[in-house]
């Protein structure tokens, strides 16, 4: 499955759950996750979308660690089966 297809399914699932998942673009600050997931009641998470089995690049790993150290949830999504669990975790923690 292509990364674009996984990303589209994520966006649709977030919308169906009452949230939004805007594309995150940060000029001059490479390595940020692909999507910012904003759910009802102020729940937020960052999602890096990858093709199945592909790992984040070293710069992406550093950005993920930086965000986690700030207290944010960061997920790497490489299978549509993970979407439900990711959204559940964002909504409940």
PDB file of N, CA and C in Angstrom:
ATOM      1  N   UNK A   1       0.848  -1.179   0.000  1.00  0.00           N
ATOM      2  CA  UNK A   1       0.000   0.000   0.000  1.00  0.00           C
ATOM      3  C   UNK A   1       0.889   1.237   0.000  1.00  0.00           C
ATOM      4  N   UNK A   2       0.481   2.237  -0.737  1.00  0.00           N
ATOM      5  CA  UNK A   2       1.249   3.467  -0.831  1.00  0.00           C
ATOM      6  C   UNK A   2       1.005   4.361   0.380  1.00  0.00           C
ATOM      7  N   UNK A   3       2.005   5.174   0.691  1.00  0.00           N
ATOM      8  CA  UNK A   3       1.907   6.099   1.824  1.00  0.00           C
ATOM      9  C   UNK A   3       0.694   7.014   1.686  1.00  0.00           C
ATOM     10  N   UNK A   4       0.458   7.485   0.483  1.00  0.00           N
ATOM     11  CA  UNK A   4      -0.666   8.382   0.241  1.00  0.00           C
ATOM     12  C   UNK A   4      -1.998   7.717   0.611  1.00  0.00           C
ATOM     13  N   UNK A   5      -2.154   6.436   0.289  1.00  0.00           N
ATOM     14  CA  UNK A   5      -3.389   5.724   0.611  1.00  0.00           C
ATOM     15  C   UNK A   5      -3.582   5.589   2.121  1.00  0.00           C
ATOM     16  N   UNK A   6      -2.515   5.282   2.830  1.00  0.00           N
ATOM     17  CA  UNK A   6      -2.584   5.166   4.288  1.00  0.00           C
ATOM     18  C   UNK A   6      -2.957   6.519   4.887  1.00  0.00           C
ATOM     19  N   UNK A   7      -2.328   7.571   4.374  1.00  0.00           N
ATOM     20  CA  UNK A   7      -2.590   8.920   4.875  1.00  0.00           C
ATOM     21  C   UNK A   7      -4.049   9.322   4.643  1.00  0.00           C
ATOM     22  N   UNK A   8      -4.591   9.000   3.473  1.00  0.00           N
ATOM     23  CA  UNK A   8      -5.990   9.319   3.175  1.00  0.00           C
ATOM     24  C   UNK A   8      -6.939   8.593   4.123  1.00  0.00           C
ATOM     25  N   UNK A   9      -6.633   7.332   4.438  1.00  0.00           N
ATOM     26  CA  UNK A   9      -7.480   6.572   5.361  1.00  0.00           C
ATOM     27  C   UNK A   9      -7.408   7.161   6.776  1.00  0.00           C
ATOM     28  N   UNK A  10      -6.237   7.627   7.169  1.00  0.00           N
ATOM     29  CA  UNK A  10      -6.092   8.291   8.467  1.00  0.00           C
ATOM     30  C   UNK A  10      -6.968   9.538   8.519  1.00  0.00           C
ATOM     31  N   UNK A  11      -6.872  10.385   7.512  1.00  0.00           N
ATOM     32  CA  UNK A  11      -7.635  11.636   7.483  1.00  0.00           C
ATOM     33  C   UNK A  11      -9.134  11.340   7.549  1.00  0.00           C
ATOM     34  N   UNK A  12      -9.586  10.355   6.800  1.00  0.00           N
ATOM     35  CA  UNK A  12     -11.006   9.989   6.805  1.00  0.00           C
ATOM     36  C   UNK A  12     -11.443   9.476   8.171  1.00  0.00           C
ATOM     37  N   UNK A  13     -10.631   8.638   8.794  1.00  0.00           N
ATOM     38  CA  UNK A  13     -10.972   8.092  10.111  1.00  0.00           C
ATOM     39  C   UNK A  13     -11.035   9.194  11.162  1.00  0.00           C
ATOM     40  N   UNK A  14     -10.109  10.125  11.102  1.00  0.00           N
ATOM     41  CA  UNK A  14     -10.111  11.248  12.053  1.00  0.00           C
ATOM     42  C   UNK A  14     -11.373  12.080  11.867  1.00  0.00           C
ATOM     43  N   UNK A  15     -11.719  12.364  10.622  1.00  0.00           N
ATOM     44  CA  UNK A  15     -12.927  13.132  10.342  1.00  0.00           C
ATOM     45  C   UNK A  15     -14.166  12.405  10.863  1.00  0.00           C
ATOM     46  N   UNK A  16     -14.239  11.099  10.629  1.00  0.00           N
ATOM     47  CA  UNK A  16     -15.376  10.306  11.100  1.00  0.00           C
ATOM     48  C   UNK A  16     -15.474  10.295  12.624  1.00  0.00           C
ATOM     49  N   UNK A  17     -14.346  10.493  13.299  1.00  0.00           N
ATOM     50  CA  UNK A  17     -14.320  10.521  14.757  1.00  0.00           C
ATOM     51  C   UNK A  17     -14.535  11.933  15.314  1.00  0.00           C
ATOM     52  N   UNK A  18     -14.810  12.898  14.423  1.00  0.00           N
ATOM     53  CA  UNK A  18     -15.103  14.255  14.876  1.00  0.00           C
ATOM     54  C   UNK A  18     -13.912  15.183  14.943  1.00  0.00           C
ATOM     55  N   UNK A  19     -12.782  14.760  14.391  1.00  0.00           N
ATOM     56  CA  UNK A  19     -11.585  15.590  14.441  1.00  0.00           C
ATOM     57  C   UNK A  19     -11.138  16.049  13.070  1.00  0.00           C
ATOM     58  N   UNK A  20      -9.950  16.640  13.034  1.00  0.00           N
ATOM     59  CA  UNK A  20      -9.318  17.035  11.779  1.00  0.00           C
ATOM     60  C   UNK A  20      -7.859  16.599  11.816  1.00  0.00           C
ATOM     61  N   UNK A  21      -7.293  16.399  10.624  1.00  0.00           N
ATOM     62  CA  UNK A  21      -5.897  15.967  10.529  1.00  0.00           C
ATOM     63  C   UNK A  21      -5.186  16.756   9.435  1.00  0.00           C
ATOM     64  N   UNK A  22      -4.895  18.037   9.700  1.00  0.00           N
ATOM     65  CA  UNK A  22      -4.227  18.831   8.674  1.00  0.00           C
ATOM     66  C   UNK A  22      -2.811  18.344   8.401  1.00  0.00           C
ATOM     67  N   UNK A  23      -2.406  18.527   7.150  1.00  0.00           N
ATOM     68  CA  UNK A  23      -1.035  18.228   6.747  1.00  0.00           C
ATOM     69  C   UNK A  23      -0.129  19.221   7.460  1.00  0.00           C
ATOM     70  N   UNK A  24       0.940  18.722   8.034  1.00  0.00           N
ATOM     71  CA  UNK A  24       1.852  19.573   8.786  1.00  0.00           C
ATOM     72  C   UNK A  24       3.051  19.915   7.906  1.00  0.00           C
ATOM     73  N   UNK A  25       3.184  21.172   7.565  1.00  0.00           N
ATOM     74  CA  UNK A  25       4.338  21.631   6.798  1.00  0.00           C
ATOM     75  C   UNK A  25       5.052  22.706   7.607  1.00  0.00           C
ATOM     76  N   UNK A  26       6.331  22.519   7.782  1.00  0.00           N
ATOM     77  CA  UNK A  26       7.125  23.446   8.592  1.00  0.00           C
ATOM     78  C   UNK A  26       8.361  23.870   7.806  1.00  0.00           C
ATOM     79  N   UNK A  27       8.231  24.860   6.942  1.00  0.00           N
ATOM     80  CA  UNK A  27       9.392  25.309   6.176  1.00  0.00           C
ATOM     81  C   UNK A  27      10.550  25.681   7.101  1.00  0.00           C
ATOM     82  N   UNK A  28      11.713  25.190   6.771  1.00  0.00           N
ATOM     83  CA  UNK A  28      12.892  25.483   7.574  1.00  0.00           C
ATOM     84  C   UNK A  28      13.017  24.620   8.818  1.00  0.00           C
ATOM     85  N   UNK A  29      12.112  23.659   8.994  1.00  0.00           N
ATOM     86  CA  UNK A  29      12.150  22.786  10.173  1.00  0.00           C
ATOM     87  C   UNK A  29      11.814  21.366   9.725  1.00  0.00           C
ATOM     88  N   UNK A  30      12.711  20.786   8.968  1.00  0.00           N
ATOM     89  CA  UNK A  30      12.502  19.452   8.390  1.00  0.00           C
ATOM     90  C   UNK A  30      12.373  18.374   9.454  1.00  0.00           C
ATOM     91  N   UNK A  31      11.746  17.268   9.056  1.00  0.00           N
ATOM     92  CA  UNK A  31      11.655  16.107   9.920  1.00  0.00           C
ATOM     93  C   UNK A  31      10.412  16.040  10.786  1.00  0.00           C
ATOM     94  N   UNK A  32       9.528  17.032  10.680  1.00  0.00           N
ATOM     95  CA  UNK A  32       8.311  17.006  11.474  1.00  0.00           C
ATOM     96  C   UNK A  32       7.351  15.946  10.927  1.00  0.00           C
ATOM     97  N   UNK A  33       6.487  15.386  11.782  1.00  0.00           N
ATOM     98  CA  UNK A  33       5.533  14.381  11.328  1.00  0.00           C
ATOM     99  C   UNK A  33       4.603  14.917  10.233  1.00  0.00           C
ATOM    100  N   UNK A  34       4.017  13.993   9.463  1.00  0.00           N
ATOM    101  CA  UNK A  34       3.185  14.356   8.320  1.00  0.00           C
ATOM    102  C   UNK A  34       1.863  15.013   8.700  1.00  0.00           C
ATOM    103  N   UNK A  35       1.220  14.516   9.758  1.00  0.00           N
ATOM    104  CA  UNK A  35      -0.123  14.988  10.105  1.00  0.00           C
ATOM    105  C   UNK A  35      -0.212  15.391  11.568  1.00  0.00           C
ATOM    106  N   UNK A  36      -0.979  16.423  11.796  1.00  0.00           N
ATOM    107  CA  UNK A  36      -1.325  16.878  13.130  1.00  0.00           C
ATOM    108  C   UNK A  36      -2.764  16.429  13.352  1.00  0.00           C
ATOM    109  N   UNK A  37      -2.991  15.554  14.323  1.00  0.00           N
ATOM    110  CA  UNK A  37      -4.329  15.031  14.580  1.00  0.00           C
ATOM    111  C   UNK A  37      -4.940  15.787  15.755  1.00  0.00           C
ATOM    112  N   UNK A  38      -6.032  16.499  15.459  1.00  0.00           N
ATOM    113  CA  UNK A  38      -6.721  17.301  16.456  1.00  0.00           C
ATOM    114  C   UNK A  38      -8.094  16.693  16.693  1.00  0.00           C
ATOM    115  N   UNK A  39      -8.318  16.224  17.918  1.00  0.00           N
ATOM    116  CA  UNK A  39      -9.557  15.539  18.266  1.00  0.00           C
ATOM    117  C   UNK A  39     -10.363  16.382  19.249  1.00  0.00           C
ATOM    118  N   UNK A  40     -11.663  16.072  19.375  1.00  0.00           N
ATOM    119  CA  UNK A  40     -12.487  16.799  20.343  1.00  0.00           C
ATOM    120  C   UNK A  40     -11.871  16.775  21.746  1.00  0.00           C
ATOM    121  N   UNK A  41     -12.246  17.752  22.535  1.00  0.00           N
ATOM    122  CA  UNK A  41     -11.797  17.925  23.915  1.00  0.00           C
ATOM    123  C   UNK A  41     -10.313  18.245  24.019  1.00  0.00           C
ATOM    124  N   UNK A  42      -9.759  18.857  22.971  1.00  0.00           N
ATOM    125  CA  UNK A  42      -8.379  19.311  23.012  1.00  0.00           C
ATOM    126  C   UNK A  42      -7.326  18.230  22.933  1.00  0.00           C
ATOM    127  N   UNK A  43      -7.675  17.079  22.424  1.00  0.00           N
ATOM    128  CA  UNK A  43      -6.703  15.974  22.296  1.00  0.00           C
ATOM    129  C   UNK A  43      -5.899  16.169  21.019  1.00  0.00           C
ATOM    130  N   UNK A  44      -4.586  15.942  21.120  1.00  0.00           N
ATOM    131  CA  UNK A  44      -3.694  16.194  19.992  1.00  0.00           C
ATOM    132  C   UNK A  44      -2.652  15.091  19.887  1.00  0.00           C
ATOM    133  N   UNK A  45      -2.278  14.778  18.662  1.00  0.00           N
ATOM    134  CA  UNK A  45      -1.206  13.827  18.415  1.00  0.00           C
ATOM    135  C   UNK A  45      -0.568  14.122  17.071  1.00  0.00           C
ATOM    136  N   UNK A  46       0.643  13.679  16.903  1.00  0.00           N
ATOM    137  CA  UNK A  46       1.365  13.822  15.641  1.00  0.00           C
ATOM    138  C   UNK A  46       1.504  12.443  15.024  1.00  0.00           C
ATOM    139  N   UNK A  47       1.314  12.352  13.700  1.00  0.00           N
ATOM    140  CA  UNK A  47       1.406  11.059  13.026  1.00  0.00           C
ATOM    141  C   UNK A  47       2.345  11.158  11.831  1.00  0.00           C
ATOM    142  N   UNK A  48       3.357  10.313  11.845  1.00  0.00           N
ATOM    143  CA  UNK A  48       4.272  10.141  10.715  1.00  0.00           C
ATOM    144  C   UNK A  48       3.771   8.945   9.925  1.00  0.00           C
ATOM    145  N   UNK A  49       3.487   9.142   8.644  1.00  0.00           N
ATOM    146  CA  UNK A  49       2.966   8.071   7.801  1.00  0.00           C
ATOM    147  C   UNK A  49       4.093   7.510   6.950  1.00  0.00           C
ATOM    148  N   UNK A  50       4.196   6.191   6.936  1.00  0.00           N
ATOM    149  CA  UNK A  50       5.233   5.486   6.168  1.00  0.00           C
ATOM    150  C   UNK A  50       4.608   4.344   5.382  1.00  0.00           C
ATOM    151  N   UNK A  51       5.277   3.919   4.321  1.00  0.00           N
ATOM    152  CA  UNK A  51       4.853   2.703   3.637  1.00  0.00           C
ATOM    153  C   UNK A  51       5.150   1.535   4.568  1.00  0.00           C
ATOM    154  N   UNK A  52       4.425   0.428   4.427  1.00  0.00           N
ATOM    155  CA  UNK A  52       4.626  -0.705   5.338  1.00  0.00           C
ATOM    156  C   UNK A  52       6.099  -1.126   5.439  1.00  0.00           C
ATOM    157  N   UNK A  53       6.549  -1.209   6.680  1.00  0.00           N
ATOM    158  CA  UNK A  53       7.899  -1.677   6.967  1.00  0.00           C
ATOM    159  C   UNK A  53       8.995  -0.638   6.886  1.00  0.00           C
ATOM    160  N   UNK A  54       8.686   0.562   6.421  1.00  0.00           N
ATOM    161  CA  UNK A  54       9.718   1.597   6.310  1.00  0.00           C
ATOM    162  C   UNK A  54       9.840   2.356   7.626  1.00  0.00           C
ATOM    163  N   UNK A  55      11.057   2.614   8.034  1.00  0.00           N
ATOM    164  CA  UNK A  55      11.353   3.308   9.286  1.00  0.00           C
ATOM    165  C   UNK A  55      11.534   4.806   9.043  1.00  0.00           C
ATOM    166  N   UNK A  56      11.269   5.634  10.048  1.00  0.00           N
ATOM    167  CA  UNK A  56      11.538   7.077   9.919  1.00  0.00           C
ATOM    168  C   UNK A  56      13.037   7.336   9.726  1.00  0.00           C
ATOM    169  N   UNK A  57      13.328   8.393   9.002  1.00  0.00           N
ATOM    170  CA  UNK A  57      14.725   8.796   8.804  1.00  0.00           C
ATOM    171  C   UNK A  57      15.296   9.301  10.134  1.00  0.00           C
ATOM    172  N   UNK A  58      16.620   9.312  10.277  1.00  0.00           N
ATOM    173  CA  UNK A  58      17.229   9.766  11.540  1.00  0.00           C
ATOM    174  C   UNK A  58      16.759  11.158  11.982  1.00  0.00           C
ATOM    175  N   UNK A  59      16.619  12.105  11.060  1.00  0.00           N
ATOM    176  CA  UNK A  59      16.141  13.434  11.426  1.00  0.00           C
ATOM    177  C   UNK A  59      14.705  13.360  11.954  1.00  0.00           C
ATOM    178  N   UNK A  60      13.884  12.519  11.332  1.00  0.00           N
ATOM    179  CA  UNK A  60      12.508  12.358  11.799  1.00  0.00           C
ATOM    180  C   UNK A  60      12.481  11.772  13.206  1.00  0.00           C
ATOM    181  N   UNK A  61      13.336  10.811  13.464  1.00  0.00           N
ATOM    182  CA  UNK A  61      13.411  10.204  14.796  1.00  0.00           C
ATOM    183  C   UNK A  61      13.764  11.264  15.835  1.00  0.00           C
ATOM    184  N   UNK A  62      14.709  12.144  15.500  1.00  0.00           N
ATOM    185  CA  UNK A  62      15.087  13.211  16.434  1.00  0.00           C
ATOM    186  C   UNK A  62      13.930  14.180  16.679  1.00  0.00           C
ATOM    187  N   UNK A  63      13.197  14.521  15.631  1.00  0.00           N
ATOM    188  CA  UNK A  63      12.039  15.416  15.801  1.00  0.00           C
ATOM    189  C   UNK A  63      10.965  14.744  16.656  1.00  0.00           C
ATOM    190  N   UNK A  64      10.735  13.449  16.430  1.00  0.00           N
ATOM    191  CA  UNK A  64       9.748  12.716  17.231  1.00  0.00           C
ATOM    192  C   UNK A  64      10.150  12.730  18.705  1.00  0.00           C
ATOM    193  N   UNK A  65      11.418  12.504  18.970  1.00  0.00           N
ATOM    194  CA  UNK A  65      11.911  12.528  20.350  1.00  0.00           C
ATOM    195  C   UNK A  65      11.735  13.909  20.968  1.00  0.00           C
ATOM    196  N   UNK A  66      12.014  14.950  20.186  1.00  0.00           N
ATOM    197  CA  UNK A  66      11.857  16.321  20.668  1.00  0.00           C
ATOM    198  C   UNK A  66      10.398  16.574  21.065  1.00  0.00           C
ATOM    199  N   UNK A  67       9.465  16.177  20.209  1.00  0.00           N
ATOM    200  CA  UNK A  67       8.041  16.373  20.496  1.00  0.00           C
ATOM    201  C   UNK A  67       7.609  15.560  21.711  1.00  0.00           C
ATOM    202  N   UNK A  68       8.078  14.327  21.813  1.00  0.00           N
ATOM    203  CA  UNK A  68       7.732  13.493  22.978  1.00  0.00           C
ATOM    204  C   UNK A  68       8.284  14.104  24.261  1.00  0.00           C
ATOM    205  N   UNK A  69       9.489  14.658  24.187  1.00  0.00           N
ATOM    206  CA  UNK A  69      10.069  15.298  25.372  1.00  0.00           C
ATOM    207  C   UNK A  69       9.274  16.532  25.805  1.00  0.00           C
ATOM    208  N   UNK A  70       8.534  17.105  24.871  1.00  0.00           N
ATOM    209  CA  UNK A  70       7.666  18.241  25.188  1.00  0.00           C
ATOM    210  C   UNK A  70       6.297  17.781  25.689  1.00  0.00           C
ATOM    211  N   UNK A  71       6.087  16.470  25.704  1.00  0.00           N
ATOM    212  CA  UNK A  71       4.847  15.929  26.235  1.00  0.00           C
ATOM    213  C   UNK A  71       3.795  15.570  25.196  1.00  0.00           C
ATOM    214  N   UNK A  72       4.139  15.622  23.918  1.00  0.00           N
ATOM    215  CA  UNK A  72       3.185  15.291  22.866  1.00  0.00           C
ATOM    216  C   UNK A  72       3.252  13.814  22.503  1.00  0.00           C
ATOM    217  N   UNK A  73       2.136  13.300  21.997  1.00  0.00           N
ATOM    218  CA  UNK A  73       2.079  11.932  21.498  1.00  0.00           C
ATOM    219  C   UNK A  73       2.512  11.945  20.039  1.00  0.00           C
ATOM    220  N   UNK A  74       3.407  11.031  19.676  1.00  0.00           N
ATOM    221  CA  UNK A  74       3.885  10.921  18.298  1.00  0.00           C
ATOM    222  C   UNK A  74       3.793   9.457  17.893  1.00  0.00           C
ATOM    223  N   UNK A  75       3.214   9.212  16.730  1.00  0.00           N
ATOM    224  CA  UNK A  75       3.007   7.851  16.243  1.00  0.00           C
ATOM    225  C   UNK A  75       3.590   7.702  14.853  1.00  0.00           C
ATOM    226  N   UNK A  76       4.079   6.499  14.556  1.00  0.00           N
ATOM    227  CA  UNK A  76       4.503   6.143  13.214  1.00  0.00           C
ATOM    228  C   UNK A  76       3.473   5.140  12.701  1.00  0.00           C
ATOM    229  N   UNK A  77       2.809   5.489  11.615  1.00  0.00           N
ATOM    230  CA  UNK A  77       1.730   4.703  11.041  1.00  0.00           C
ATOM    231  C   UNK A  77       2.204   4.098   9.727  1.00  0.00           C
ATOM    232  N   UNK A  78       2.262   2.757   9.652  1.00  0.00           N
ATOM    233  CA  UNK A  78       2.640   2.116   8.392  1.00  0.00           C
ATOM    234  C   UNK A  78       1.659   1.015   7.976  1.00  0.00           C
ATOM    235  N   UNK A  79       0.513   0.967   8.646  1.00  0.00           N
ATOM    236  CA  UNK A  79      -0.502  -0.036   8.339  1.00  0.00           C
ATOM    237  C   UNK A  79      -1.857   0.533   8.750  1.00  0.00           C
ATOM    238  N   UNK A  80      -2.832   0.459   7.863  1.00  0.00           N
ATOM    239  CA  UNK A  80      -4.147   1.030   8.168  1.00  0.00           C
ATOM    240  C   UNK A  80      -4.783   0.371   9.382  1.00  0.00           C
ATOM    241  N   UNK A  81      -4.380  -0.829   9.732  1.00  0.00           N
ATOM    242  CA  UNK A  81      -4.917  -1.517  10.903  1.00  0.00           C
ATOM    243  C   UNK A  81      -4.537  -0.805  12.203  1.00  0.00           C
ATOM    244  N   UNK A  82      -3.527   0.043  12.168  1.00  0.00           N
ATOM    245  CA  UNK A  82      -3.075   0.780  13.346  1.00  0.00           C
ATOM    246  C   UNK A  82      -3.911   2.025  13.632  1.00  0.00           C
ATOM    247  N   UNK A  83      -4.680   2.480  12.658  1.00  0.00           N
ATOM    248  CA  UNK A  83      -5.378   3.758  12.781  1.00  0.00           C
ATOM    249  C   UNK A  83      -6.317   3.781  13.981  1.00  0.00           C
ATOM    250  N   UNK A  84      -7.141   2.761  14.134  1.00  0.00           N
ATOM    251  CA  UNK A  84      -8.086   2.737  15.248  1.00  0.00           C
ATOM    252  C   UNK A  84      -7.402   2.843  16.592  1.00  0.00           C
ATOM    253  N   UNK A  85      -6.317   2.115  16.778  1.00  0.00           N
ATOM    254  CA  UNK A  85      -5.589   2.147  18.039  1.00  0.00           C
ATOM    255  C   UNK A  85      -4.948   3.499  18.302  1.00  0.00           C
ATOM    256  N   UNK A  86      -4.406   4.102  17.260  1.00  0.00           N
ATOM    257  CA  UNK A  86      -3.789   5.422  17.407  1.00  0.00           C
ATOM    258  C   UNK A  86      -4.844   6.447  17.816  1.00  0.00           C
ATOM    259  N   UNK A  87      -5.983   6.433  17.132  1.00  0.00           N
ATOM    260  CA  UNK A  87      -7.031   7.408  17.467  1.00  0.00           C
ATOM    261  C   UNK A  87      -7.583   7.169  18.863  1.00  0.00           C
ATOM    262  N   UNK A  88      -7.722   5.921  19.241  1.00  0.00           N
ATOM    263  CA  UNK A  88      -8.202   5.607  20.585  1.00  0.00           C
ATOM    264  C   UNK A  88      -7.232   6.168  21.634  1.00  0.00           C
ATOM    265  N   UNK A  89      -5.944   5.966  21.402  1.00  0.00           N
ATOM    266  CA  UNK A  89      -4.952   6.454  22.356  1.00  0.00           C
ATOM    267  C   UNK A  89      -4.937   7.973  22.434  1.00  0.00           C
ATOM    268  N   UNK A  90      -5.054   8.640  21.288  1.00  0.00           N
ATOM    269  CA  UNK A  90      -5.091  10.108  21.300  1.00  0.00           C
ATOM    270  C   UNK A  90      -6.308  10.596  22.070  1.00  0.00           C
ATOM    271  N   UNK A  91      -7.450   9.953  21.869  1.00  0.00           N
ATOM    272  CA  UNK A  91      -8.696  10.406  22.516  1.00  0.00           C
ATOM    273  C   UNK A  91      -8.730  10.120  24.004  1.00  0.00           C
ATOM    274  N   UNK A  92      -7.986   9.109  24.470  1.00  0.00           N
ATOM    275  CA  UNK A  92      -8.154   8.676  25.856  1.00  0.00           C
ATOM    276  C   UNK A  92      -6.976   8.958  26.776  1.00  0.00           C
ATOM    277  N   UNK A  93      -5.863   9.445  26.245  1.00  0.00           N
ATOM    278  CA  UNK A  93      -4.718   9.724  27.125  1.00  0.00           C
ATOM    279  C   UNK A  93      -4.287  11.161  27.007  1.00  0.00           C
TER     280      UNK A  93
END
